[in-house]
Amino acid sequence: MGRSLLPLLLVAVIVAVGLAAIWPRVERGQGGPAVYPGILRLPAKDPIRTAAAPLSGSTVAEVQGAGRDDGQWRVVLLLGEDREPLTRAVMLALGEALFQAGVVAVLDPLLPASEPAPPLALPADRVVRIATLAARGTEDRRAAWSASVRLALSEPRLPDDHPLAAQQPAPLASPLLVRVQHEGGPAAGSDPPWPERWAAAGRAIAAAFLAATTPPGGPRVPELHPGVAWETPLPLPPLTPEVRWHGAFQHALIRGWVGRIAGRRVLTREGREESADAPFIRLLARGAWQALPAEGAWRLWERLHDGQRQWCALRDDGDGWTVTVWHLHPDPQRRLEQWLAEAQAGDRAARARLERLRSVPGLPEDLRARLAAIAP
């Protein structure tokens, strides 16, 4: 009996040795920080839990775009465009900086297709899209790193050629594209663990981005912001794995979502290829959306849902589709009269909202005439 087990034991030992030889050696934290979708909430007394490793090197930001953003934000969506560890490290570092400035940071990492996360129905002032362009030396925490990260800062809003673009106010800031080059290594005599290494790289890149795009002192919550509250919560848009919603907007006359279908083809459950917009269009049909005549490059749908008229538009961009969903305020005249009364009573926020309303190109003429009757 004992002899018959010996060959099996030898085989087991050989297999174990072989697996140990080929099994990847991954240190704790090497894969980068864990980032979960949702509002970033940190402890108020001690928000920074992971120390940053001392690094030697440089971090330089190159900005494409005119001027700077005003940095006066209430809600910022941080959207990861890949699953790279450095992308997550930068997302988390930006979230930490925004949290400490009093700004609400909403994290939206790119999750596996099997784990689609619905977007939060939370209108944002800005969206920052983050992608790692290149990263070298990240396999060894003791080695010098070289990395390039792209960060795109913009407002969530309808594209300029959208059928309803004239219903939104003028943009508060121009889009900015920032490329940050990070060169770094452990300071002399240090041997930092992976979490501290990722924290150092992420915070260095986040700090360079904010320094290049916002005023001195960084972002801050504005004392007076022409934000607009609606009487009802913002509904979620149609959800399908092919569409990634890039942010919500909410203005005086219109609110909704802007998203994108990336790529041209997807596989069906049967293994057939089809156009990547087909699953979304089928979802619209199941949701009682009715097709409308197209306007230029945009395909249009509408529906009446929970007593609310909603619209959807889809545009082919060549390498994917831009997707938008929106609805209009049901009673803009009442809204204007309320703001006028509040402004005449000395409400500075109401006056700021009225000034913002003046910049809406498609403002109905009766409302524009009513606005013209008050001093700017």
Protein backbone atom coordinates (compact mmCIF):
# COMPACT_ATOMS: atom_id res chain seq x y z
CA MET A 1 0.00 0.00 0.00
CA GLY A 2 2.81 2.43 0.96
CA ARG A 3 4.79 1.64 -2.19
CA SER A 4 1.77 2.29 -4.41
CA LEU A 5 1.42 5.82 -3.02
CA LEU A 6 5.08 6.77 -3.56
CA PRO A 7 4.84 7.41 -7.32
CA LEU A 8 1.78 9.59 -6.75
CA LEU A 9 3.59 11.60 -4.11
CA LEU A 10 6.58 12.08 -6.41
CA VAL A 11 4.29 13.31 -9.21
CA ALA A 12 2.62 15.74 -6.79
CA VAL A 13 6.01 17.11 -5.69
CA ILE A 14 7.17 17.54 -9.29
CA VAL A 15 3.95 19.35 -10.24
CA ALA A 16 4.22 21.64 -7.20
CA VAL A 17 7.84 22.50 -8.01
CA GLY A 18 6.92 23.17 -11.64
CA LEU A 19 4.04 25.43 -10.70
CA ALA A 20 6.23 27.33 -8.26
CA ALA A 21 8.78 27.87 -11.01
CA ILE A 22 6.31 29.25 -13.56
CA TRP A 23 3.80 30.92 -11.25
CA PRO A 24 4.01 34.72 -11.52
CA ARG A 25 5.52 36.33 -8.46
CA VAL A 26 3.25 39.27 -7.66
CA GLU A 27 3.97 41.29 -4.56
CA ARG A 28 1.22 42.72 -2.39
CA GLY A 29 -0.13 45.90 -3.94
CA GLN A 30 1.80 45.52 -7.20
CA GLY A 31 -1.41 45.60 -9.26
CA GLY A 32 -2.21 49.11 -8.12
CA PRO A 33 -4.86 50.49 -5.76
CA ALA A 34 -8.41 49.18 -5.69
CA VAL A 35 -10.82 51.81 -7.03
CA TYR A 36 -14.58 51.30 -6.77
CA PRO A 37 -17.30 53.21 -8.63
CA GLY A 38 -19.23 55.83 -6.70
CA ILE A 39 -18.69 58.92 -4.59
CA LEU A 40 -15.30 58.92 -2.86
CA ARG A 41 -15.82 59.17 0.86
CA LEU A 42 -12.76 59.50 3.08
CA PRO A 43 -12.44 59.97 6.85
CA ALA A 44 -12.76 63.66 7.67
CA LYS A 45 -10.02 63.65 10.34
CA ASP A 46 -7.45 61.54 8.51
CA PRO A 47 -8.37 61.34 4.81
CA ILE A 48 -4.96 60.18 3.56
CA ARG A 49 -4.39 56.64 4.81
CA THR A 50 -1.50 55.58 2.53
CA ALA A 51 1.76 57.53 2.82
CA ALA A 52 3.54 58.49 -0.39
CA ALA A 53 7.00 57.02 -0.88
CA PRO A 54 9.86 59.53 -1.18
CA LEU A 55 10.72 59.74 -4.88
CA SER A 56 13.46 61.31 -6.92
CA GLY A 57 12.69 62.45 -10.44
CA SER A 58 10.37 64.86 -12.22
CA THR A 59 6.73 65.25 -13.23
CA VAL A 60 5.88 67.67 -16.06
CA ALA A 61 2.45 68.56 -17.46
CA GLU A 62 1.95 69.71 -21.06
CA VAL A 63 -1.41 71.39 -21.72
CA GLN A 64 -3.23 71.56 -25.04
CA GLY A 65 -6.01 74.13 -24.99
CA ALA A 66 -6.60 77.80 -24.29
CA GLY A 67 -6.17 79.21 -20.80
CA ARG A 68 -7.06 77.49 -17.54
CA ASP A 69 -10.23 76.24 -15.95
CA ASP A 70 -11.66 78.40 -13.15
CA GLY A 71 -11.36 75.42 -10.77
CA GLN A 72 -14.66 76.32 -9.09
CA TRP A 73 -16.28 72.91 -8.93
CA ARG A 74 -18.91 71.20 -6.83
CA VAL A 75 -18.99 67.75 -8.47
CA VAL A 76 -16.26 66.19 -10.66
CA LEU A 77 -16.52 62.82 -12.40
CA LEU A 78 -13.19 60.96 -12.64
CA LEU A 79 -13.46 58.46 -15.48
CA GLY A 80 -10.84 55.78 -16.09
CA GLU A 81 -10.38 54.87 -19.75
CA ASP A 82 -8.33 51.71 -19.11
CA ARG A 83 -7.58 49.22 -16.33
CA GLU A 84 -3.91 50.15 -15.90
CA PRO A 85 -2.65 50.39 -12.28
CA LEU A 86 -1.32 53.90 -12.85
CA THR A 87 -4.69 55.08 -14.17
CA ARG A 88 -6.33 53.89 -10.96
CA ALA A 89 -3.57 55.48 -8.87
CA VAL A 90 -4.13 58.85 -10.58
CA MET A 91 -7.92 58.55 -10.20
CA LEU A 92 -7.59 57.91 -6.48
CA ALA A 93 -5.03 60.69 -6.01
CA LEU A 94 -7.24 63.21 -7.83
CA GLY A 95 -10.18 62.07 -5.75
CA GLU A 96 -8.18 62.65 -2.56
CA ALA A 97 -7.20 66.16 -3.66
CA LEU A 98 -10.78 67.05 -4.60
CA PHE A 99 -12.15 65.61 -1.35
CA GLN A 100 -9.73 67.71 0.68
CA ALA A 101 -10.85 70.80 -1.29
CA GLY A 102 -14.49 70.07 -0.42
CA VAL A 103 -15.38 68.97 -3.96
CA VAL A 104 -17.49 65.83 -4.51
CA ALA A 105 -15.39 63.33 -6.48
CA VAL A 106 -17.26 60.57 -8.31
CA LEU A 107 -15.04 57.65 -9.36
CA ASP A 108 -15.88 55.72 -12.52
CA PRO A 109 -13.17 53.10 -13.16
CA LEU A 110 -13.34 50.91 -16.26
CA LEU A 111 -14.75 47.62 -15.02
CA PRO A 112 -14.79 44.23 -16.77
CA ALA A 113 -17.72 43.74 -19.16
CA SER A 114 -19.17 41.23 -16.69
CA GLU A 115 -19.41 43.98 -14.05
CA PRO A 116 -21.12 46.98 -15.67
CA ALA A 117 -21.78 49.70 -13.09
CA PRO A 118 -24.78 51.99 -13.64
CA PRO A 119 -23.91 55.69 -13.51
CA LEU A 120 -24.86 57.85 -10.55
CA ALA A 121 -27.70 60.25 -11.33
CA LEU A 122 -25.54 63.15 -10.19
CA PRO A 123 -24.95 66.10 -12.55
CA ALA A 124 -21.28 67.07 -12.68
CA ASP A 125 -19.50 70.36 -13.27
CA ARG A 126 -16.53 68.66 -14.92
CA VAL A 127 -15.43 65.28 -16.23
CA VAL A 128 -11.78 64.18 -16.15
CA ARG A 129 -11.00 61.23 -18.43
CA ILE A 130 -7.75 59.47 -17.44
CA ALA A 131 -5.68 57.05 -19.53
CA THR A 132 -2.17 55.60 -19.21
CA LEU A 133 -0.37 56.06 -22.53
CA ALA A 134 2.87 54.32 -21.55
CA ALA A 135 4.48 52.95 -18.42
CA ARG A 136 7.93 51.37 -18.06
CA GLY A 137 9.68 49.95 -15.02
CA THR A 138 6.46 49.28 -13.10
CA GLU A 139 7.32 45.59 -12.66
CA ASP A 140 10.03 46.41 -10.11
CA ARG A 141 9.24 48.80 -7.28
CA ARG A 142 12.95 49.43 -6.74
CA ALA A 143 13.54 50.50 -10.34
CA ALA A 144 13.10 53.91 -11.88
CA TRP A 145 9.72 54.51 -13.52
CA SER A 146 8.83 56.32 -16.71
CA ALA A 147 5.17 56.93 -17.43
CA SER A 148 2.93 59.09 -19.60
CA VAL A 149 -0.68 59.78 -18.59
CA ARG A 150 -3.35 61.67 -20.56
CA LEU A 151 -6.03 63.62 -18.70
CA ALA A 152 -8.88 65.33 -20.57
CA LEU A 153 -10.85 67.98 -18.66
CA SER A 154 -14.25 69.06 -19.98
CA GLU A 155 -17.83 69.91 -19.09
CA PRO A 156 -20.51 67.28 -19.59
CA ARG A 157 -22.69 68.87 -22.27
CA LEU A 158 -24.37 68.19 -25.58
CA PRO A 159 -22.06 68.40 -28.63
CA ASP A 160 -22.21 71.64 -30.60
CA ASP A 161 -23.95 69.97 -33.57
CA HIS A 162 -26.61 68.32 -31.39
CA PRO A 163 -30.25 69.14 -32.27
CA LEU A 164 -30.81 70.59 -28.76
CA ALA A 165 -27.40 72.20 -28.23
CA ALA A 166 -28.97 75.66 -28.32
CA GLN A 167 -31.00 74.89 -25.19
CA GLN A 168 -27.91 74.78 -22.97
CA PRO A 169 -26.01 77.85 -21.71
CA ALA A 170 -22.61 78.87 -22.98
CA PRO A 171 -19.78 76.68 -21.64
CA LEU A 172 -18.05 77.81 -18.47
CA ALA A 173 -14.66 76.55 -19.64
CA SER A 174 -12.89 75.27 -22.74
CA PRO A 175 -11.87 71.60 -22.92
CA LEU A 176 -8.27 70.97 -21.90
CA LEU A 177 -6.08 68.01 -22.83
CA VAL A 178 -3.11 67.41 -20.54
CA ARG A 179 -0.26 64.98 -21.00
CA VAL A 180 1.78 64.36 -17.85
CA GLN A 181 5.23 62.81 -18.12
CA HIS A 182 6.37 61.22 -14.87
CA GLU A 183 9.96 60.08 -14.28
CA GLY A 184 10.70 58.78 -10.83
CA GLY A 185 12.44 56.28 -8.68
CA PRO A 186 12.83 55.55 -4.98
CA ALA A 187 14.83 58.16 -3.11
CA ALA A 188 18.31 57.09 -2.12
CA GLY A 189 18.28 54.55 0.68
CA SER A 190 14.52 53.92 0.52
CA ASP A 191 12.73 50.67 -0.25
CA PRO A 192 9.02 51.60 -0.37
CA PRO A 193 6.27 48.98 -0.61
CA TRP A 194 4.00 49.00 -3.67
CA PRO A 195 1.05 50.93 -2.12
CA GLU A 196 3.34 53.80 -1.16
CA ARG A 197 4.97 53.72 -4.59
CA TRP A 198 1.62 53.94 -6.42
CA ALA A 199 0.49 56.68 -4.03
CA ALA A 200 3.60 58.74 -4.76
CA ALA A 201 3.29 58.41 -8.54
CA GLY A 202 -0.46 59.03 -8.57
CA ARG A 203 -0.25 62.11 -6.35
CA ALA A 204 2.66 63.57 -8.31
CA ILE A 205 0.72 63.25 -11.57
CA ALA A 206 -2.53 64.56 -10.02
CA ALA A 207 -0.71 67.56 -8.52
CA ALA A 208 0.93 68.38 -11.86
CA PHE A 209 -2.45 68.18 -13.62
CA LEU A 210 -4.20 70.47 -11.13
CA ALA A 211 -1.32 72.95 -11.09
CA ALA A 212 -1.45 73.19 -14.90
CA THR A 213 -5.23 73.53 -15.25
CA THR A 214 -6.56 75.39 -12.20
CA PRO A 215 -5.71 78.73 -10.53
CA PRO A 216 -3.10 78.96 -7.76
CA GLY A 217 -4.42 77.14 -4.71
CA GLY A 218 -6.13 74.49 -6.81
CA PRO A 219 -9.83 73.69 -7.09
CA ARG A 220 -12.34 75.02 -4.61
CA VAL A 221 -16.07 74.96 -4.06
CA PRO A 222 -17.47 78.27 -5.34
CA GLU A 223 -19.15 80.60 -2.89
CA LEU A 224 -21.70 81.43 -5.56
CA HIS A 225 -22.49 78.91 -8.28
CA PRO A 226 -25.25 79.21 -10.90
CA GLY A 227 -26.23 75.60 -10.34
CA VAL A 228 -29.79 74.63 -11.12
CA ALA A 229 -31.98 72.35 -9.02
CA TRP A 230 -34.94 70.56 -10.57
CA GLU A 231 -38.05 69.42 -8.76
CA THR A 232 -37.43 65.73 -9.57
CA PRO A 233 -34.30 63.54 -9.53
CA LEU A 234 -32.41 63.03 -12.77
CA PRO A 235 -33.57 59.71 -14.27
CA LEU A 236 -31.00 57.10 -15.26
CA PRO A 237 -30.42 56.68 -19.01
CA PRO A 238 -30.98 53.38 -20.86
CA LEU A 239 -28.36 50.93 -19.58
CA THR A 240 -26.62 48.37 -21.78
CA PRO A 241 -23.02 47.08 -21.59
CA GLU A 242 -22.17 48.64 -24.98
CA VAL A 243 -22.80 52.22 -23.79
CA ARG A 244 -20.60 53.97 -21.26
CA TRP A 245 -22.20 57.14 -19.92
CA HIS A 246 -19.59 59.87 -19.49
CA GLY A 247 -21.52 62.22 -17.25
CA ALA A 248 -24.76 64.05 -16.58
CA PHE A 249 -25.60 67.73 -17.05
CA GLN A 250 -28.43 69.83 -15.60
CA HIS A 251 -29.23 73.34 -16.82
CA ALA A 252 -32.23 75.64 -16.53
CA LEU A 253 -34.06 74.38 -19.64
CA ILE A 254 -32.53 70.95 -20.30
CA ARG A 255 -30.81 68.10 -18.48
CA GLY A 256 -29.59 64.64 -19.42
CA TRP A 257 -26.63 62.40 -20.20
CA VAL A 258 -23.78 62.11 -22.70
CA GLY A 259 -22.17 58.74 -23.41
CA ARG A 260 -20.38 56.70 -26.01
CA ILE A 261 -20.40 53.32 -27.72
CA ALA A 262 -16.75 52.48 -28.42
CA GLY A 263 -15.87 50.28 -31.38
CA ARG A 264 -17.78 49.08 -34.42
CA ARG A 265 -18.69 45.44 -33.83
CA VAL A 266 -19.83 43.29 -30.91
CA LEU A 267 -20.59 39.58 -30.50
CA THR A 268 -24.10 38.30 -29.84
CA ARG A 269 -24.84 35.48 -27.39
CA GLU A 270 -24.91 33.15 -30.39
CA GLY A 271 -21.38 34.20 -31.36
CA ARG A 272 -22.43 36.27 -34.37
CA GLU A 273 -21.01 39.72 -35.08
CA GLU A 274 -23.30 42.72 -35.30
CA SER A 275 -23.05 46.50 -35.29
CA ALA A 276 -22.10 47.78 -31.83
CA ASP A 277 -25.10 50.11 -31.70
CA ALA A 278 -27.61 47.30 -32.37
CA PRO A 279 -28.05 46.17 -28.71
CA PHE A 280 -28.73 49.75 -27.62
CA ILE A 281 -31.30 50.29 -30.36
CA ARG A 282 -33.07 47.05 -29.41
CA LEU A 283 -33.13 48.25 -25.80
CA LEU A 284 -34.83 51.47 -26.92
CA ALA A 285 -37.51 49.47 -28.72
CA ARG A 286 -38.19 47.43 -25.57
CA GLY A 287 -38.45 50.66 -23.59
CA ALA A 288 -41.21 52.10 -25.80
CA TRP A 289 -38.94 54.62 -27.50
CA GLN A 290 -40.37 55.72 -30.87
CA ALA A 291 -38.13 56.62 -33.82
CA LEU A 292 -38.32 60.20 -35.14
CA PRO A 293 -37.11 61.73 -38.41
CA ALA A 294 -33.33 62.18 -38.30
CA GLU A 295 -31.73 65.62 -37.92
CA GLY A 296 -28.49 65.75 -39.85
CA ALA A 297 -26.10 63.10 -38.58
CA TRP A 298 -28.29 62.34 -35.55
CA ARG A 299 -30.85 59.52 -35.27
CA LEU A 300 -33.65 60.46 -32.88
CA TRP A 301 -36.12 58.68 -30.56
CA GLU A 302 -38.68 59.87 -28.01
CA ARG A 303 -40.98 58.40 -25.39
CA LEU A 304 -43.38 59.41 -22.64
CA HIS A 305 -42.25 57.79 -19.39
CA ASP A 306 -43.70 58.44 -15.91
CA GLY A 307 -45.45 61.52 -17.27
CA GLN A 308 -42.18 62.92 -18.64
CA ARG A 309 -41.27 63.40 -22.31
CA GLN A 310 -37.76 62.09 -23.00
CA TRP A 311 -35.56 62.09 -26.09
CA CYS A 312 -32.53 60.10 -27.24
CA ALA A 313 -30.08 60.82 -30.07
CA LEU A 314 -27.31 58.69 -31.60
CA ARG A 315 -24.52 59.85 -33.95
CA ASP A 316 -22.04 57.66 -35.84
CA ASP A 317 -18.52 58.99 -35.24
CA GLY A 318 -16.65 56.54 -37.46
CA ASP A 319 -14.96 54.58 -34.65
CA GLY A 320 -18.04 54.44 -32.44
CA TRP A 321 -21.22 56.33 -31.57
CA THR A 322 -21.99 59.36 -29.41
CA VAL A 323 -25.16 58.79 -27.38
CA THR A 324 -27.28 61.43 -25.64
CA VAL A 325 -30.48 61.31 -23.59
CA TRP A 326 -32.30 64.41 -22.38
CA HIS A 327 -35.57 66.04 -21.39
CA LEU A 328 -36.76 69.64 -21.17
CA HIS A 329 -38.05 71.56 -18.18
CA PRO A 330 -41.85 71.38 -18.22
CA ASP A 331 -42.48 74.98 -17.08
CA PRO A 332 -39.58 77.36 -17.82
CA GLN A 333 -41.86 80.42 -17.45
CA ARG A 334 -42.64 79.56 -13.83
CA ARG A 335 -38.95 78.91 -13.18
CA LEU A 336 -38.00 82.31 -14.60
CA GLU A 337 -40.64 84.13 -12.54
CA GLN A 338 -39.40 82.40 -9.38
CA TRP A 339 -35.79 83.44 -10.05
CA LEU A 340 -36.86 87.00 -10.86
CA ALA A 341 -38.70 87.27 -7.56
CA GLU A 342 -35.73 85.86 -5.64
CA ALA A 343 -33.28 88.18 -7.44
CA GLN A 344 -35.42 91.25 -6.68
CA ALA A 345 -35.40 90.17 -3.03
CA GLY A 346 -31.59 90.28 -3.06
CA ASP A 347 -30.76 86.60 -3.70
CA ARG A 348 -27.34 86.67 -5.37
CA ALA A 349 -27.56 83.02 -6.44
CA ALA A 350 -30.84 83.68 -8.26
CA ARG A 351 -29.26 86.64 -10.06
CA ALA A 352 -26.33 84.44 -11.08
CA ARG A 353 -28.76 81.87 -12.51
CA LEU A 354 -30.53 84.60 -14.48
CA GLU A 355 -27.23 85.79 -15.92
CA ARG A 356 -26.43 82.23 -16.92
CA LEU A 357 -29.83 81.94 -18.56
CA ARG A 358 -29.04 84.94 -20.77
CA SER A 359 -26.31 82.90 -22.49
CA VAL A 360 -28.75 80.23 -23.75
CA PRO A 361 -28.88 80.70 -27.56
CA GLY A 362 -32.24 78.98 -27.92
CA LEU A 363 -34.00 80.79 -25.08
CA PRO A 364 -37.65 81.33 -26.10
CA GLU A 365 -38.32 84.91 -27.15
CA ASP A 366 -40.93 85.52 -24.45
CA LEU A 367 -38.44 84.52 -21.78
CA ARG A 368 -35.68 86.60 -23.38
CA ALA A 369 -37.97 89.64 -23.42
CA ARG A 370 -38.79 89.08 -19.76
CA LEU A 371 -35.06 88.87 -18.93
CA ALA A 372 -34.36 92.07 -20.87
CA ALA A 373 -36.69 93.95 -18.55
CA ILE A 374 -34.29 93.59 -15.63
CA ALA A 375 -30.86 95.15 -15.24
CA PRO A 376 -27.93 92.81 -16.02
